[in-house]
Amino acid sequence: MEKIECKNCGSTDFKRINGGLICNYCQTPYIEDNEDKQTESIILPFKISKKLIIFSTLSVFFAFLLVLFVFSSVKGNKVVTKDPDANLSQQEYAYKYINDAGAWTQKIYDNIKVAKATMNEKTWKEGNYHDGDGYSTLIQEVGKPETEASSDSEMTAIWTQNSTSHHIIYVTINWDKKSGLIIRKSLQGWASDE
């Protein structure tokens, strides 16, 4: 018999089984061909168990579900940044962004002196105003308001934000018609939705 060498491991040690040979080291089966006395490698079919098939299928399915769950939860999470101005009242917000309302500044708003009213002791109604800034002086500093309204004894002026502002700001000034003195001032503001 010719010396046969295993194609997988190079061994020359074989044992003979049912008309064929099996390598003693790597267990590769060979069929002996009687005509040439050559051997040919064969593949023996092996049976895959049903348990292995079910386990593999379920593993792939659950891995797919896990990947799907992770990506859907990551995609759905939006980073929410808290607006630092969210806790401000409308007056505080307007005061912070007052520069967006025409020529207004915090300094101009703070320096407005509101007039005091004297009480008429007979009628217990407010009488004349004194010790306040004049409305005409304020107009020279900040310009004319966008809106003016009138009632019996007083006028109201409202300045709003610049057209390029991202804030909605209202500066409201009320003044006495007779004396022309400022009798109230107020601010309102909030973030624009744009």
N, C-alpha and C. Protein backbone atom coordinates (compact mmCIF):
# COMPACT_ATOMS: atom_id res chain seq x y z
N MET A 1 0.84 -1.17 0.00
CA MET A 1 0.00 0.00 0.00
C MET A 1 0.88 1.23 0.00
N GLU A 2 0.46 2.21 -0.79
CA GLU A 2 1.20 3.47 -0.87
C GLU A 2 1.03 4.23 0.42
N LYS A 3 2.00 5.07 0.66
CA LYS A 3 1.88 5.95 1.82
C LYS A 3 0.91 7.06 1.48
N ILE A 4 -0.06 7.25 2.34
CA ILE A 4 -1.06 8.31 2.15
C ILE A 4 -0.81 9.38 3.20
N GLU A 5 -0.94 10.59 2.75
CA GLU A 5 -0.75 11.73 3.68
C GLU A 5 -2.09 12.47 3.79
N CYS A 6 -2.48 12.80 5.01
CA CYS A 6 -3.76 13.51 5.25
C CYS A 6 -3.65 14.92 4.69
N LYS A 7 -4.68 15.33 3.97
CA LYS A 7 -4.68 16.66 3.35
C LYS A 7 -4.89 17.77 4.38
N ASN A 8 -5.47 17.44 5.52
CA ASN A 8 -5.74 18.46 6.53
C ASN A 8 -4.59 18.66 7.51
N CYS A 9 -4.07 17.53 8.05
CA CYS A 9 -3.05 17.69 9.09
C CYS A 9 -1.67 17.18 8.68
N GLY A 10 -1.58 16.45 7.58
CA GLY A 10 -0.29 15.95 7.11
C GLY A 10 0.11 14.62 7.74
N SER A 11 -0.75 14.02 8.51
CA SER A 11 -0.45 12.76 9.19
C SER A 11 -0.43 11.61 8.17
N THR A 12 0.33 10.57 8.49
CA THR A 12 0.36 9.36 7.66
C THR A 12 -0.19 8.17 8.44
N ASP A 13 -0.77 8.42 9.58
CA ASP A 13 -1.31 7.37 10.43
C ASP A 13 -2.83 7.30 10.23
N PHE A 14 -3.31 6.21 9.63
CA PHE A 14 -4.73 6.03 9.31
C PHE A 14 -5.21 4.71 9.87
N LYS A 15 -6.51 4.60 10.06
CA LYS A 15 -7.10 3.29 10.37
C LYS A 15 -8.16 3.00 9.32
N ARG A 16 -8.30 1.72 9.01
CA ARG A 16 -9.19 1.30 7.95
C ARG A 16 -10.55 0.98 8.56
N ILE A 17 -11.64 1.56 7.96
CA ILE A 17 -13.01 1.29 8.42
C ILE A 17 -13.91 1.21 7.20
N ASN A 18 -14.66 0.13 7.05
CA ASN A 18 -15.68 -0.07 6.01
C ASN A 18 -15.25 0.40 4.62
N GLY A 19 -14.19 -0.03 4.13
CA GLY A 19 -13.75 0.28 2.78
C GLY A 19 -13.21 1.69 2.66
N GLY A 20 -12.86 2.30 3.75
CA GLY A 20 -12.31 3.64 3.71
C GLY A 20 -11.26 3.81 4.80
N LEU A 21 -10.72 5.00 4.87
CA LEU A 21 -9.70 5.30 5.86
C LEU A 21 -10.12 6.53 6.66
N ILE A 22 -9.66 6.59 7.91
CA ILE A 22 -9.90 7.77 8.75
C ILE A 22 -8.57 8.14 9.38
N CYS A 23 -8.23 9.43 9.31
CA CYS A 23 -6.99 9.92 9.90
C CYS A 23 -7.11 9.81 11.42
N ASN A 24 -6.07 9.26 12.05
CA ASN A 24 -6.10 9.08 13.49
C ASN A 24 -5.98 10.40 14.26
N TYR A 25 -5.44 11.44 13.64
CA TYR A 25 -5.25 12.71 14.35
C TYR A 25 -6.42 13.66 14.19
N CYS A 26 -6.85 13.91 12.96
CA CYS A 26 -7.91 14.91 12.73
C CYS A 26 -9.24 14.28 12.36
N GLN A 27 -9.32 12.98 12.26
CA GLN A 27 -10.55 12.23 11.98
C GLN A 27 -11.16 12.56 10.62
N THR A 28 -10.35 12.98 9.64
CA THR A 28 -10.85 13.23 8.30
C THR A 28 -11.06 11.89 7.60
N PRO A 29 -12.26 11.65 7.06
CA PRO A 29 -12.51 10.36 6.38
C PRO A 29 -12.03 10.40 4.92
N TYR A 30 -11.55 9.27 4.44
CA TYR A 30 -11.12 9.12 3.04
C TYR A 30 -11.71 7.83 2.49
N ILE A 31 -12.07 7.85 1.17
CA ILE A 31 -12.54 6.64 0.50
C ILE A 31 -11.38 6.12 -0.35
N GLU A 32 -11.16 4.83 -0.25
CA GLU A 32 -10.05 4.25 -1.01
C GLU A 32 -10.57 3.83 -2.37
N ASP A 33 -9.89 4.32 -3.42
CA ASP A 33 -10.27 3.99 -4.78
C ASP A 33 -9.45 2.78 -5.20
N ASN A 34 -10.12 1.65 -5.55
CA ASN A 34 -9.42 0.40 -5.85
C ASN A 34 -8.63 0.46 -7.14
N GLU A 35 -9.07 1.22 -8.13
CA GLU A 35 -8.39 1.24 -9.41
C GLU A 35 -7.02 1.88 -9.30
N ASP A 36 -6.95 3.07 -8.73
CA ASP A 36 -5.66 3.77 -8.67
C ASP A 36 -5.00 3.62 -7.32
N LYS A 37 -5.71 3.11 -6.39
CA LYS A 37 -5.24 3.04 -5.02
C LYS A 37 -4.99 4.44 -4.47
N GLN A 38 -5.79 5.38 -4.92
CA GLN A 38 -5.71 6.74 -4.39
C GLN A 38 -6.88 6.94 -3.44
N THR A 39 -6.73 7.89 -2.59
CA THR A 39 -7.81 8.17 -1.65
C THR A 39 -8.42 9.52 -1.98
N GLU A 40 -9.68 9.63 -1.63
CA GLU A 40 -10.40 10.87 -1.89
C GLU A 40 -11.11 11.28 -0.61
N SER A 41 -11.05 12.54 -0.30
CA SER A 41 -11.67 13.07 0.92
C SER A 41 -13.18 13.18 0.72
N ILE A 42 -13.96 12.78 1.73
CA ILE A 42 -15.41 12.92 1.64
C ILE A 42 -15.90 13.72 2.85
N ILE A 43 -17.08 14.27 2.69
CA ILE A 43 -17.70 15.01 3.79
C ILE A 43 -18.85 14.17 4.30
N LEU A 44 -18.79 13.84 5.54
CA LEU A 44 -19.88 13.08 6.13
C LEU A 44 -20.96 14.05 6.59
N PRO A 45 -22.19 13.80 6.20
CA PRO A 45 -23.25 14.70 6.66
C PRO A 45 -23.49 14.49 8.15
N PHE A 46 -23.73 15.58 8.83
CA PHE A 46 -24.06 15.44 10.25
C PHE A 46 -25.42 16.06 10.48
N LYS A 47 -26.10 15.59 11.45
CA LYS A 47 -27.47 16.00 11.71
C LYS A 47 -27.46 17.15 12.70
N ILE A 48 -28.17 18.23 12.33
CA ILE A 48 -28.30 19.37 13.23
C ILE A 48 -29.53 19.13 14.09
N SER A 49 -29.36 19.24 15.37
CA SER A 49 -30.49 18.95 16.25
C SER A 49 -31.53 20.06 16.18
N LYS A 50 -32.77 19.69 16.47
CA LYS A 50 -33.87 20.67 16.45
C LYS A 50 -33.67 21.71 17.54
N LYS A 51 -33.13 21.30 18.66
CA LYS A 51 -32.89 22.24 19.76
C LYS A 51 -31.93 23.34 19.33
N LEU A 52 -30.88 22.96 18.60
CA LEU A 52 -29.91 23.94 18.13
C LEU A 52 -30.55 24.92 17.15
N ILE A 53 -31.38 24.43 16.27
CA ILE A 53 -32.07 25.29 15.29
C ILE A 53 -32.99 26.27 16.01
N ILE A 54 -33.79 25.76 16.95
CA ILE A 54 -34.72 26.63 17.70
C ILE A 54 -33.94 27.66 18.52
N PHE A 55 -32.91 27.22 19.21
CA PHE A 55 -32.11 28.15 20.02
C PHE A 55 -31.47 29.24 19.15
N SER A 56 -30.91 28.86 18.02
CA SER A 56 -30.28 29.84 17.13
C SER A 56 -31.30 30.83 16.59
N THR A 57 -32.45 30.34 16.17
CA THR A 57 -33.50 31.22 15.63
C THR A 57 -33.98 32.21 16.69
N LEU A 58 -34.25 31.71 17.89
CA LEU A 58 -34.70 32.60 18.97
C LEU A 58 -33.62 33.61 19.35
N SER A 59 -32.37 33.19 19.36
CA SER A 59 -31.27 34.11 19.69
C SER A 59 -31.19 35.25 18.68
N VAL A 60 -31.28 34.92 17.41
CA VAL A 60 -31.24 35.95 16.37
C VAL A 60 -32.45 36.88 16.49
N PHE A 61 -33.63 36.32 16.76
CA PHE A 61 -34.85 37.12 16.90
C PHE A 61 -34.74 38.09 18.08
N PHE A 62 -34.30 37.60 19.24
CA PHE A 62 -34.17 38.47 20.41
C PHE A 62 -33.06 39.51 20.23
N ALA A 63 -31.99 39.15 19.56
CA ALA A 63 -30.94 40.12 19.28
C ALA A 63 -31.47 41.23 18.37
N PHE A 64 -32.27 40.87 17.39
CA PHE A 64 -32.89 41.86 16.51
C PHE A 64 -33.82 42.77 17.30
N LEU A 65 -34.65 42.21 18.18
CA LEU A 65 -35.54 43.02 19.01
C LEU A 65 -34.76 43.96 19.92
N LEU A 66 -33.67 43.47 20.49
CA LEU A 66 -32.84 44.31 21.36
C LEU A 66 -32.25 45.48 20.59
N VAL A 67 -31.71 45.23 19.42
CA VAL A 67 -31.15 46.30 18.59
C VAL A 67 -32.24 47.28 18.19
N LEU A 68 -33.39 46.78 17.81
CA LEU A 68 -34.51 47.64 17.44
C LEU A 68 -34.95 48.51 18.62
N PHE A 69 -35.04 47.94 19.79
CA PHE A 69 -35.44 48.68 20.99
C PHE A 69 -34.43 49.77 21.34
N VAL A 70 -33.15 49.44 21.28
CA VAL A 70 -32.10 50.42 21.62
C VAL A 70 -32.13 51.58 20.65
N PHE A 71 -32.20 51.30 19.35
CA PHE A 71 -32.19 52.39 18.37
C PHE A 71 -33.46 53.22 18.42
N SER A 72 -34.59 52.60 18.69
CA SER A 72 -35.83 53.38 18.75
C SER A 72 -35.84 54.26 19.99
N SER A 73 -35.29 53.80 21.10
CA SER A 73 -35.28 54.63 22.31
C SER A 73 -34.26 55.75 22.17
N VAL A 74 -33.15 55.52 21.53
CA VAL A 74 -32.16 56.58 21.33
C VAL A 74 -32.70 57.63 20.37
N LYS A 75 -33.38 57.19 19.32
CA LYS A 75 -33.92 58.12 18.33
C LYS A 75 -35.04 58.97 18.93
N GLY A 76 -35.83 58.39 19.82
CA GLY A 76 -36.97 59.09 20.40
C GLY A 76 -36.59 60.07 21.49
N ASN A 77 -35.43 59.92 22.08
CA ASN A 77 -35.03 60.82 23.16
C ASN A 77 -34.58 62.14 22.59
N LYS A 78 -35.21 63.19 23.02
CA LYS A 78 -34.80 64.51 22.60
C LYS A 78 -34.12 65.18 23.78
N VAL A 79 -33.05 65.85 23.50
CA VAL A 79 -32.36 66.56 24.55
C VAL A 79 -33.14 67.84 24.83
N VAL A 80 -33.58 67.95 26.05
CA VAL A 80 -34.37 69.12 26.44
C VAL A 80 -33.46 70.04 27.24
N THR A 81 -33.24 71.19 26.68
CA THR A 81 -32.45 72.17 27.41
C THR A 81 -33.40 73.14 28.06
N LYS A 82 -33.16 73.37 29.32
CA LYS A 82 -34.05 74.26 30.06
C LYS A 82 -33.65 75.69 29.77
N ASP A 83 -34.65 76.48 29.44
CA ASP A 83 -34.44 77.89 29.18
C ASP A 83 -34.11 78.58 30.50
N PRO A 84 -32.98 79.28 30.58
CA PRO A 84 -32.63 79.93 31.84
C PRO A 84 -33.61 81.03 32.23
N ASP A 85 -34.39 81.51 31.27
CA ASP A 85 -35.36 82.57 31.56
C ASP A 85 -36.73 82.02 31.93
N ALA A 86 -36.87 80.69 31.99
CA ALA A 86 -38.18 80.09 32.23
C ALA A 86 -38.76 80.45 33.60
N ASN A 87 -37.90 80.66 34.58
CA ASN A 87 -38.38 80.95 35.93
C ASN A 87 -38.60 82.44 36.18
N LEU A 88 -38.34 83.26 35.19
CA LEU A 88 -38.52 84.71 35.37
C LEU A 88 -39.99 85.09 35.21
N SER A 89 -40.43 86.04 36.01
CA SER A 89 -41.78 86.58 35.82
C SER A 89 -41.78 87.42 34.55
N GLN A 90 -42.96 87.81 34.09
CA GLN A 90 -43.04 88.63 32.87
C GLN A 90 -42.34 89.97 33.08
N GLN A 91 -42.43 90.52 34.27
CA GLN A 91 -41.78 91.80 34.55
C GLN A 91 -40.26 91.62 34.57
N GLU A 92 -39.76 90.55 35.21
CA GLU A 92 -38.32 90.30 35.25
C GLU A 92 -37.77 90.03 33.85
N TYR A 93 -38.52 89.27 33.07
CA TYR A 93 -38.11 88.96 31.70
C TYR A 93 -38.00 90.24 30.88
N ALA A 94 -39.02 91.09 30.97
CA ALA A 94 -39.02 92.35 30.21
C ALA A 94 -37.87 93.24 30.66
N TYR A 95 -37.60 93.27 31.96
CA TYR A 95 -36.52 94.10 32.47
C TYR A 95 -35.17 93.61 31.93
N LYS A 96 -35.00 92.29 31.87
CA LYS A 96 -33.75 91.71 31.38
C LYS A 96 -33.51 92.06 29.91
N TYR A 97 -34.58 92.06 29.10
CA TYR A 97 -34.44 92.29 27.66
C TYR A 97 -35.02 93.63 27.22
N ILE A 98 -35.05 94.60 28.10
CA ILE A 98 -35.64 95.91 27.79
C ILE A 98 -34.91 96.60 26.63
N ASN A 99 -33.65 96.27 26.42
CA ASN A 99 -32.88 96.87 25.32
C ASN A 99 -33.48 96.54 23.96
N ASP A 100 -34.33 95.50 23.89
CA ASP A 100 -34.97 95.13 22.63
C ASP A 100 -36.20 95.98 22.32
N ALA A 101 -36.56 96.89 23.21
CA ALA A 101 -37.74 97.74 22.99
C ALA A 101 -37.29 99.15 22.64
N GLY A 102 -37.05 99.37 21.37
CA GLY A 102 -36.66 100.71 20.91
C GLY A 102 -35.35 101.17 21.54
N ALA A 103 -35.34 102.42 22.03
CA ALA A 103 -34.13 103.00 22.62
C ALA A 103 -34.09 102.81 24.13
N TRP A 104 -34.94 101.96 24.65
CA TRP A 104 -35.00 101.75 26.09
C TRP A 104 -33.77 101.02 26.61
N THR A 105 -33.36 101.37 27.83
CA THR A 105 -32.32 100.65 28.56
C THR A 105 -32.81 100.48 30.00
N GLN A 106 -32.15 99.60 30.72
CA GLN A 106 -32.50 99.42 32.13
C GLN A 106 -32.27 100.71 32.91
N LYS A 107 -31.22 101.41 32.56
CA LYS A 107 -30.90 102.65 33.27
C LYS A 107 -32.00 103.70 33.07
N ILE A 108 -32.46 103.85 31.82
CA ILE A 108 -33.53 104.83 31.55
C ILE A 108 -34.78 104.45 32.33
N TYR A 109 -35.14 103.16 32.31
CA TYR A 109 -36.35 102.72 33.02
C TYR A 109 -36.22 102.95 34.53
N ASP A 110 -35.06 102.60 35.08
CA ASP A 110 -34.85 102.77 36.53
C ASP A 110 -34.86 104.23 36.94
N ASN A 111 -34.40 105.12 36.07
CA ASN A 111 -34.29 106.54 36.43
C ASN A 111 -35.60 107.32 36.26
N ILE A 112 -36.66 106.67 35.77
CA ILE A 112 -37.94 107.37 35.65
C ILE A 112 -38.49 107.59 37.06
N LYS A 113 -38.72 108.85 37.38
CA LYS A 113 -39.28 109.19 38.69
C LYS A 113 -40.79 109.32 38.52
N VAL A 114 -41.54 108.45 39.22
CA VAL A 114 -43.00 108.45 39.15
C VAL A 114 -43.52 109.54 40.08
N ALA A 115 -44.45 110.36 39.57
CA ALA A 115 -45.00 111.48 40.35
C ALA A 115 -45.87 110.97 41.49
N LYS A 116 -45.93 111.77 42.54
CA LYS A 116 -46.77 111.45 43.70
C LYS A 116 -48.05 112.27 43.60
N ALA A 117 -49.13 111.68 44.08
CA ALA A 117 -50.42 112.38 44.04
C ALA A 117 -50.73 112.96 45.42
N THR A 118 -51.32 114.12 45.42
CA THR A 118 -51.81 114.70 46.67
C THR A 118 -53.28 114.34 46.77
N MET A 119 -53.72 114.02 47.98
CA MET A 119 -55.12 113.63 48.19
C MET A 119 -55.94 114.85 48.58
N ASN A 120 -57.10 114.97 48.02
CA ASN A 120 -58.05 116.01 48.40
C ASN A 120 -58.79 115.47 49.62
N GLU A 121 -58.62 116.14 50.76
CA GLU A 121 -59.18 115.62 52.00
C GLU A 121 -60.70 115.66 52.03
N LYS A 122 -61.32 116.51 51.27
CA LYS A 122 -62.79 116.60 51.27
C LYS A 122 -63.40 115.46 50.46
N THR A 123 -62.83 115.15 49.30
CA THR A 123 -63.43 114.14 48.42
C THR A 123 -62.69 112.80 48.48
N TRP A 124 -61.57 112.75 49.13
CA TRP A 124 -60.72 111.57 49.21
C TRP A 124 -60.36 111.02 47.83
N LYS A 125 -60.18 111.92 46.90
CA LYS A 125 -59.75 111.55 45.55
C LYS A 125 -58.36 112.14 45.34
N GLU A 126 -57.65 111.51 44.37
CA GLU A 126 -56.33 112.04 44.05
C GLU A 126 -56.48 113.39 43.40
N GLY A 127 -55.62 114.28 43.83
CA GLY A 127 -55.67 115.62 43.28
C GLY A 127 -54.55 115.81 42.28
N ASN A 128 -53.73 116.80 42.49
CA ASN A 128 -52.62 117.10 41.59
C ASN A 128 -51.43 116.19 41.85
N TYR A 129 -50.59 116.06 40.81
CA TYR A 129 -49.37 115.26 40.92
C TYR A 129 -48.18 116.20 41.03
N HIS A 130 -47.14 115.71 41.73
CA HIS A 130 -45.92 116.51 41.88
C HIS A 130 -44.72 115.57 42.04
N ASP A 131 -43.53 116.11 41.97
CA ASP A 131 -42.26 115.38 42.15
C ASP A 131 -42.11 114.18 41.21
N GLY A 132 -42.35 114.35 39.95
CA GLY A 132 -42.16 113.27 38.99
C GLY A 132 -41.54 113.78 37.71
N ASP A 133 -41.13 112.85 36.86
CA ASP A 133 -40.55 113.22 35.56
C ASP A 133 -41.68 113.50 34.57
N GLY A 134 -41.40 114.40 33.66
CA GLY A 134 -42.36 114.74 32.62
C GLY A 134 -42.30 113.74 31.47
N TYR A 135 -43.45 113.48 30.89
CA TYR A 135 -43.55 112.56 29.77
C TYR A 135 -42.79 113.10 28.56
N SER A 136 -42.83 114.40 28.34
CA SER A 136 -42.15 114.99 27.18
C SER A 136 -40.64 114.78 27.26
N THR A 137 -40.08 114.80 28.46
CA THR A 137 -38.64 114.55 28.64
C THR A 137 -38.30 113.10 28.26
N LEU A 138 -39.17 112.19 28.65
CA LEU A 138 -38.95 110.77 28.34
C LEU A 138 -38.99 110.53 26.83
N ILE A 139 -39.91 111.19 26.13
CA ILE A 139 -40.02 111.05 24.68
C ILE A 139 -38.72 111.47 23.99
N GLN A 140 -38.07 112.50 24.53
CA GLN A 140 -36.81 112.95 23.95
C GLN A 140 -35.73 111.87 24.09
N GLU A 141 -35.78 111.08 25.15
CA GLU A 141 -34.77 110.03 25.38
C GLU A 141 -35.03 108.77 24.57
N VAL A 142 -36.27 108.30 24.54
CA VAL A 142 -36.55 106.99 23.95
C VAL A 142 -37.34 107.04 22.65
N GLY A 143 -37.80 108.19 22.25
CA GLY A 143 -38.57 108.29 21.01
C GLY A 143 -40.05 108.06 21.26
N LYS A 144 -40.83 108.25 20.20
CA LYS A 144 -42.29 108.12 20.32
C LYS A 144 -42.69 106.66 20.47
N PRO A 145 -43.77 106.41 21.21
CA PRO A 145 -44.23 105.03 21.40
C PRO A 145 -44.98 104.52 20.17
N GLU A 146 -45.14 103.20 20.09
CA GLU A 146 -45.91 102.60 19.00
C GLU A 146 -47.40 102.83 19.19
N THR A 147 -47.84 102.91 20.45
CA THR A 147 -49.27 103.04 20.74
C THR A 147 -49.48 104.09 21.83
N GLU A 148 -50.52 104.91 21.65
CA GLU A 148 -50.95 105.85 22.69
C GLU A 148 -52.46 105.70 22.85
N ALA A 149 -52.90 105.72 24.11
CA ALA A 149 -54.33 105.63 24.40
C ALA A 149 -54.68 106.68 25.44
N SER A 150 -55.94 107.09 25.45
CA SER A 150 -56.34 108.17 26.34
C SER A 150 -57.56 107.76 27.16
N SER A 151 -57.58 108.22 28.40
CA SER A 151 -58.78 108.08 29.23
C SER A 151 -59.13 109.48 29.74
N ASP A 152 -60.02 109.60 30.71
CA ASP A 152 -60.47 110.92 31.18
C ASP A 152 -59.33 111.79 31.68
N SER A 153 -58.51 111.24 32.56
CA SER A 153 -57.50 112.09 33.19
C SER A 153 -56.07 111.72 32.85
N GLU A 154 -55.87 110.60 32.16
CA GLU A 154 -54.49 110.20 31.89
C GLU A 154 -54.33 109.62 30.50
N MET A 155 -53.06 109.53 30.09
CA MET A 155 -52.68 108.97 28.79
C MET A 155 -51.80 107.75 29.05
N THR A 156 -51.82 106.82 28.11
CA THR A 156 -51.00 105.62 28.20
C THR A 156 -50.19 105.50 26.92
N ALA A 157 -48.90 105.23 27.08
CA ALA A 157 -48.01 105.02 25.92
C ALA A 157 -47.38 103.64 26.06
N ILE A 158 -47.28 102.91 24.92
CA ILE A 158 -46.71 101.57 24.95
C ILE A 158 -45.62 101.46 23.87
N TRP A 159 -44.43 101.04 24.30
CA TRP A 159 -43.33 100.74 23.38
C TRP A 159 -43.22 99.23 23.29
N THR A 160 -42.98 98.71 22.09
CA THR A 160 -42.82 97.27 21.92
C THR A 160 -41.42 96.98 21.41
N GLN A 161 -41.15 95.70 21.18
CA GLN A 161 -39.81 95.26 20.80
C GLN A 161 -39.45 95.65 19.37
N ASN A 162 -38.16 95.57 19.09
CA ASN A 162 -37.67 95.77 17.72
C ASN A 162 -38.16 94.62 16.85
N SER A 163 -38.25 94.83 15.56
CA SER A 163 -38.74 93.78 14.66
C SER A 163 -37.79 92.59 14.57
N THR A 164 -36.52 92.78 14.90
CA THR A 164 -35.55 91.68 14.83
C THR A 164 -35.40 90.95 16.16
N SER A 165 -36.12 91.36 17.17
CA SER A 165 -35.98 90.78 18.50
C SER A 165 -36.62 89.39 18.58
N HIS A 166 -36.06 88.57 19.46
CA HIS A 166 -36.63 87.25 19.74
C HIS A 166 -37.44 87.29 21.04
N HIS A 167 -37.77 88.47 21.49
CA HIS A 167 -38.51 88.66 22.73
C HIS A 167 -39.72 89.55 22.45
N ILE A 168 -40.77 89.35 23.23
CA ILE A 168 -41.93 90.24 23.15
C ILE A 168 -41.88 91.10 24.41
N ILE A 169 -41.68 92.38 24.22
CA ILE A 169 -41.49 93.31 25.34
C ILE A 169 -42.49 94.45 25.20
N TYR A 170 -43.15 94.78 26.31
CA TYR A 170 -44.04 95.94 26.37
C TYR A 170 -43.59 96.83 27.53
N VAL A 171 -43.26 98.08 27.20
CA VAL A 171 -42.96 99.09 28.22
C VAL A 171 -44.16 100.04 28.21
N THR A 172 -44.85 100.12 29.34
CA THR A 172 -46.07 100.95 29.42
C THR A 172 -45.83 102.10 30.39
N ILE A 173 -46.11 103.30 29.93
CA ILE A 173 -45.98 104.52 30.75
C ILE A 173 -47.33 105.23 30.76
N ASN A 174 -47.81 105.57 31.95
CA ASN A 174 -49.04 106.36 32.10
C ASN A 174 -48.65 107.74 32.63
N TRP A 175 -49.27 108.79 32.10
CA TRP A 175 -48.99 110.13 32.59
C TRP A 175 -50.28 110.93 32.72
N ASP A 176 -50.23 111.90 33.60
CA ASP A 176 -51.38 112.76 33.89
C ASP A 176 -51.53 113.79 32.78
N LYS A 177 -52.77 113.97 32.30
CA LYS A 177 -53.01 114.92 31.21
C LYS A 177 -52.75 116.35 31.65
N LYS A 178 -53.16 116.70 32.87
CA LYS A 178 -53.02 118.09 33.33
C LYS A 178 -51.57 118.48 33.53
N SER A 179 -50.87 117.69 34.31
CA SER A 179 -49.50 118.07 34.68
C SER A 179 -48.46 117.57 33.69
N GLY A 180 -48.77 116.50 32.94
CA GLY A 180 -47.80 115.91 32.01
C GLY A 180 -46.76 115.06 32.73
N LEU A 181 -46.98 114.77 34.02
CA LEU A 181 -46.03 113.98 34.79
C LEU A 181 -46.37 112.48 34.70
N ILE A 182 -45.32 111.68 34.74
CA ILE A 182 -45.48 110.23 34.67
C ILE A 182 -46.03 109.74 36.01
N ILE A 183 -47.14 108.99 35.98
CA ILE A 183 -47.76 108.52 37.22
C ILE A 183 -47.65 107.00 37.42
N ARG A 184 -47.33 106.23 36.37
CA ARG A 184 -47.12 104.78 36.49
C ARG A 184 -46.19 104.31 35.38
N LYS A 185 -45.46 103.26 35.70
CA LYS A 185 -44.62 102.60 34.69
C LYS A 185 -44.71 101.09 34.93
N SER A 186 -44.69 100.33 33.85
CA SER A 186 -44.74 98.87 34.00
C SER A 186 -44.06 98.20 32.81
N LEU A 187 -43.68 96.95 33.04
CA LEU A 187 -43.01 96.13 32.02
C LEU A 187 -43.72 94.78 31.91
N GLN A 188 -43.75 94.25 30.71
CA GLN A 188 -44.22 92.89 30.47
C GLN A 188 -43.36 92.31 29.36
N GLY A 189 -43.02 91.04 29.49
CA GLY A 189 -42.23 90.42 28.43
C GLY A 189 -42.21 88.92 28.53
N TRP A 190 -41.95 88.26 27.40
CA TRP A 190 -41.82 86.82 27.32
C TRP A 190 -41.10 86.48 26.02
N ALA A 191 -40.69 85.24 25.91
CA ALA A 191 -39.95 84.81 24.72
C ALA A 191 -40.89 84.65 23.53
N SER A 192 -40.41 85.03 22.37
CA SER A 192 -41.18 84.86 21.14
C SER A 192 -41.12 83.40 20.73
N ASP A 193 -42.15 82.90 20.08
CA ASP A 193 -42.18 81.51 19.62
C ASP A 193 -41.39 81.30 18.35
N GLU A 194 -40.91 82.31 17.72
CA GLU A 194 -40.22 82.19 16.43
C GLU A 194 -38.84 81.64 16.60
